[in-house]
Amino acid sequence: MRPRGVSLSNFDLTWNGKAVRRIQVMPVQRVLRYPVELKKDADQQIVYVTSDGFTNLVAYSARKTLSPIVPPAPQDWGGEVWPLSWTGPIFIDQDRNGKVVIPAENSARRRQVHSCM
């Protein structure tokens, strides 16, 4: 649910900290209830993973600030406040060994991030 007056513009999906998909949302003035389309799986997007990792979803708006609900901060502090929401990391143990092992960036060594046990 979004507060009245907040216009969502995008969802960004990351995998191991890198953007893998951006979903743009059409601007509307009324509240939409999902699924919008009635056919099976109409409002689903599937991303297949081939290794352990973590994902994160960010929903935000680049259309309208939160003013006047949240007054703008001084420019030194960043100025206008924009709507933003995200999930915490969702760890996926794709190989089902009880550990989520994510390759270290630019390295052949691997590091364990999260134990599923």
C-alpha atoms as a PDB file:
ATOM      1  CA  MET A   1       0.000   0.000   0.000  1.00  0.00           C
ATOM      2  CA  ARG A   2       1.121   3.489  -0.721  1.00  0.00           C
ATOM      3  CA  PRO A   3      -0.062   6.695   0.903  1.00  0.00           C
ATOM      4  CA  ARG A   4      -2.484   8.796  -1.138  1.00  0.00           C
ATOM      5  CA  GLY A   5      -0.576  11.222  -3.349  1.00  0.00           C
ATOM      6  CA  VAL A   6       2.575   9.101  -3.715  1.00  0.00           C
ATOM      7  CA  SER A   7       3.158   8.076  -7.311  1.00  0.00           C
ATOM      8  CA  LEU A   8       5.393   5.022  -7.646  1.00  0.00           C
ATOM      9  CA  SER A   9       7.665   5.131 -10.697  1.00  0.00           C
ATOM     10  CA  ASN A  10      10.040   2.142 -10.545  1.00  0.00           C
ATOM     11  CA  PHE A  11      10.958  -1.169  -8.955  1.00  0.00           C
ATOM     12  CA  ASP A  12      14.645  -2.152  -9.073  1.00  0.00           C
ATOM     13  CA  LEU A  13      15.650  -5.772  -8.442  1.00  0.00           C
ATOM     14  CA  THR A  14      19.250  -6.551  -7.477  1.00  0.00           C
ATOM     15  CA  TRP A  15      21.154  -9.826  -7.319  1.00  0.00           C
ATOM     16  CA  ASN A  16      24.305  -9.891  -5.159  1.00  0.00           C
ATOM     17  CA  GLY A  17      24.257  -6.098  -5.112  1.00  0.00           C
ATOM     18  CA  LYS A  18      24.018  -5.573  -8.876  1.00  0.00           C
ATOM     19  CA  ALA A  19      20.916  -4.346 -10.705  1.00  0.00           C
ATOM     20  CA  VAL A  20      19.303  -7.117 -12.770  1.00  0.00           C
ATOM     21  CA  ARG A  21      15.906  -5.665 -13.602  1.00  0.00           C
ATOM     22  CA  ARG A  22      14.140  -2.303 -13.594  1.00  0.00           C
ATOM     23  CA  ILE A  23      10.370  -2.300 -13.856  1.00  0.00           C
ATOM     24  CA  GLN A  24       8.793   1.032 -14.745  1.00  0.00           C
ATOM     25  CA  VAL A  25       5.301   1.757 -13.442  1.00  0.00           C
ATOM     26  CA  MET A  26       2.792   3.700 -15.493  1.00  0.00           C
ATOM     27  CA  PRO A  27       1.580   6.874 -13.736  1.00  0.00           C
ATOM     28  CA  VAL A  28      -2.033   6.665 -12.558  1.00  0.00           C
ATOM     29  CA  GLN A  29      -4.257   8.870 -10.421  1.00  0.00           C
ATOM     30  CA  ARG A  30      -6.338   6.074  -8.885  1.00  0.00           C
ATOM     31  CA  VAL A  31      -5.377   3.186  -6.603  1.00  0.00           C
ATOM     32  CA  LEU A  32      -4.755  -0.044  -8.521  1.00  0.00           C
ATOM     33  CA  ARG A  33      -5.535  -3.437  -7.054  1.00  0.00           C
ATOM     34  CA  TYR A  34      -3.386  -6.290  -8.302  1.00  0.00           C
ATOM     35  CA  PRO A  35      -3.589  -8.343 -10.396  1.00  0.00           C
ATOM     36  CA  VAL A  36      -4.584  -5.717 -12.954  1.00  0.00           C
ATOM     37  CA  GLU A  37      -4.878  -8.318 -15.715  1.00  0.00           C
ATOM     38  CA  LEU A  38      -7.002 -11.374 -15.071  1.00  0.00           C
ATOM     39  CA  LYS A  39      -5.007 -13.928 -17.050  1.00  0.00           C
ATOM     40  CA  LYS A  40      -2.774 -16.371 -15.166  1.00  0.00           C
ATOM     41  CA  ASP A  41       0.608 -14.973 -14.014  1.00  0.00           C
ATOM     42  CA  ALA A  42      -0.103 -11.615 -15.734  1.00  0.00           C
ATOM     43  CA  ASP A  43       1.561  -9.514 -13.038  1.00  0.00           C
ATOM     44  CA  GLN A  44       4.481 -11.827 -12.275  1.00  0.00           C
ATOM     45  CA  GLN A  45       8.040 -11.637 -13.524  1.00  0.00           C
ATOM     46  CA  ILE A  46      10.312 -14.608 -12.943  1.00  0.00           C
ATOM     47  CA  VAL A  47      14.065 -14.421 -12.433  1.00  0.00           C
ATOM     48  CA  TYR A  48      15.915 -17.753 -12.351  1.00  0.00           C
ATOM     49  CA  VAL A  49      19.039 -17.977 -10.226  1.00  0.00           C
ATOM     50  CA  THR A  50      21.888 -20.399 -10.860  1.00  0.00           C
ATOM     51  CA  SER A  51      23.939 -19.860  -7.702  1.00  0.00           C
ATOM     52  CA  ASP A  52      23.690 -18.858  -4.054  1.00  0.00           C
ATOM     53  CA  GLY A  53      23.180 -15.176  -3.414  1.00  0.00           C
ATOM     54  CA  PHE A  54      20.969 -12.438  -2.088  1.00  0.00           C
ATOM     55  CA  THR A  55      18.349 -10.272  -3.681  1.00  0.00           C
ATOM     56  CA  ASN A  56      16.840  -6.939  -2.774  1.00  0.00           C
ATOM     57  CA  LEU A  57      13.858  -5.040  -4.180  1.00  0.00           C
ATOM     58  CA  VAL A  58      13.661  -1.230  -4.134  1.00  0.00           C
ATOM     59  CA  ALA A  59      10.454   0.676  -4.943  1.00  0.00           C
ATOM     60  CA  TYR A  60      10.698   4.421  -5.438  1.00  0.00           C
ATOM     61  CA  SER A  61       9.263   7.482  -7.110  1.00  0.00           C
ATOM     62  CA  ALA A  62      11.037  10.041  -9.261  1.00  0.00           C
ATOM     63  CA  ARG A  63       7.751  11.819 -10.043  1.00  0.00           C
ATOM     64  CA  LYS A  64       6.642  13.599  -6.878  1.00  0.00           C
ATOM     65  CA  THR A  65       8.332  14.423  -3.572  1.00  0.00           C
ATOM     66  CA  LEU A  66       6.771  13.746  -0.162  1.00  0.00           C
ATOM     67  CA  SER A  67       6.146  17.465   0.366  1.00  0.00           C
ATOM     68  CA  PRO A  68       4.074  18.780   2.167  1.00  0.00           C
ATOM     69  CA  ILE A  69       3.856  15.621   4.332  1.00  0.00           C
ATOM     70  CA  VAL A  70       7.634  15.707   4.836  1.00  0.00           C
ATOM     71  CA  PRO A  71       9.045  19.218   4.582  1.00  0.00           C
ATOM     72  CA  PRO A  72      12.119  19.567   2.385  1.00  0.00           C
ATOM     73  CA  ALA A  73      15.462  19.410   4.138  1.00  0.00           C
ATOM     74  CA  PRO A  74      17.980  22.208   3.647  1.00  0.00           C
ATOM     75  CA  GLN A  75      20.013  21.843   0.435  1.00  0.00           C
ATOM     76  CA  ASP A  76      23.120  21.035   2.506  1.00  0.00           C
ATOM     77  CA  TRP A  77      21.245  17.948   3.758  1.00  0.00           C
ATOM     78  CA  GLY A  78      20.000  16.826   0.367  1.00  0.00           C
ATOM     79  CA  GLY A  79      16.942  18.976  -0.314  1.00  0.00           C
ATOM     80  CA  GLU A  80      13.601  17.384  -1.222  1.00  0.00           C
ATOM     81  CA  VAL A  81      12.564  14.003   0.253  1.00  0.00           C
ATOM     82  CA  TRP A  82      11.490  11.359  -2.311  1.00  0.00           C
ATOM     83  CA  PRO A  83       9.470   8.177  -1.625  1.00  0.00           C
ATOM     84  CA  LEU A  84      11.636   5.068  -1.201  1.00  0.00           C
ATOM     85  CA  SER A  85      10.988   1.577   0.120  1.00  0.00           C
ATOM     86  CA  TRP A  86      13.066  -1.606   0.041  1.00  0.00           C
ATOM     87  CA  THR A  87      13.198  -5.132   1.307  1.00  0.00           C
ATOM     88  CA  GLY A  88      16.058  -6.280   3.459  1.00  0.00           C
ATOM     89  CA  PRO A  89      18.334  -8.793   1.773  1.00  0.00           C
ATOM     90  CA  ILE A  90      16.622 -12.076   0.930  1.00  0.00           C
ATOM     91  CA  PHE A  91      19.233 -14.857   1.021  1.00  0.00           C
ATOM     92  CA  ILE A  92      18.813 -17.752  -1.412  1.00  0.00           C
ATOM     93  CA  ASP A  93      20.529 -21.113  -0.846  1.00  0.00           C
ATOM     94  CA  GLN A  94      20.206 -22.316  -4.446  1.00  0.00           C
ATOM     95  CA  ASP A  95      22.367 -25.435  -4.022  1.00  0.00           C
ATOM     96  CA  ARG A  96      20.565 -26.327  -0.738  1.00  0.00           C
ATOM     97  CA  ASN A  97      23.730 -27.098   1.234  1.00  0.00           C
ATOM     98  CA  GLY A  98      22.622 -25.037   4.247  1.00  0.00           C
ATOM     99  CA  LYS A  99      24.980 -22.118   3.512  1.00  0.00           C
ATOM    100  CA  VAL A 100      24.710 -19.105   1.250  1.00  0.00           C
ATOM    101  CA  VAL A 101      28.132 -18.661  -0.357  1.00  0.00           C
ATOM    102  CA  ILE A 102      28.614 -15.567  -2.503  1.00  0.00           C
ATOM    103  CA  PRO A 103      31.694 -15.111  -4.708  1.00  0.00           C
ATOM    104  CA  ALA A 104      33.859 -12.184  -3.604  1.00  0.00           C
ATOM    105  CA  GLU A 105      33.944  -9.408  -6.229  1.00  0.00           C
ATOM    106  CA  ASN A 106      36.936  -9.609  -8.609  1.00  0.00           C
ATOM    107  CA  SER A 107      38.418 -12.560  -6.763  1.00  0.00           C
ATOM    108  CA  ALA A 108      38.621 -16.329  -7.132  1.00  0.00           C
ATOM    109  CA  ARG A 109      38.058 -16.818  -3.416  1.00  0.00           C
ATOM    110  CA  ARG A 110      34.541 -17.206  -2.031  1.00  0.00           C
ATOM    111  CA  ARG A 111      33.082 -15.958   1.225  1.00  0.00           C
ATOM    112  CA  GLN A 112      30.242 -17.340   3.302  1.00  0.00           C
ATOM    113  CA  VAL A 113      27.649 -14.675   4.010  1.00  0.00           C
ATOM    114  CA  HIS A 114      24.821 -16.449   5.772  1.00  0.00           C
ATOM    115  CA  SER A 115      24.193 -19.853   7.292  1.00  0.00           C
ATOM    116  CA  CYS A 116      20.715 -21.313   6.793  1.00  0.00           C
ATOM    117  CA  MET A 117      20.999 -23.676   9.749  1.00  0.00           C
END
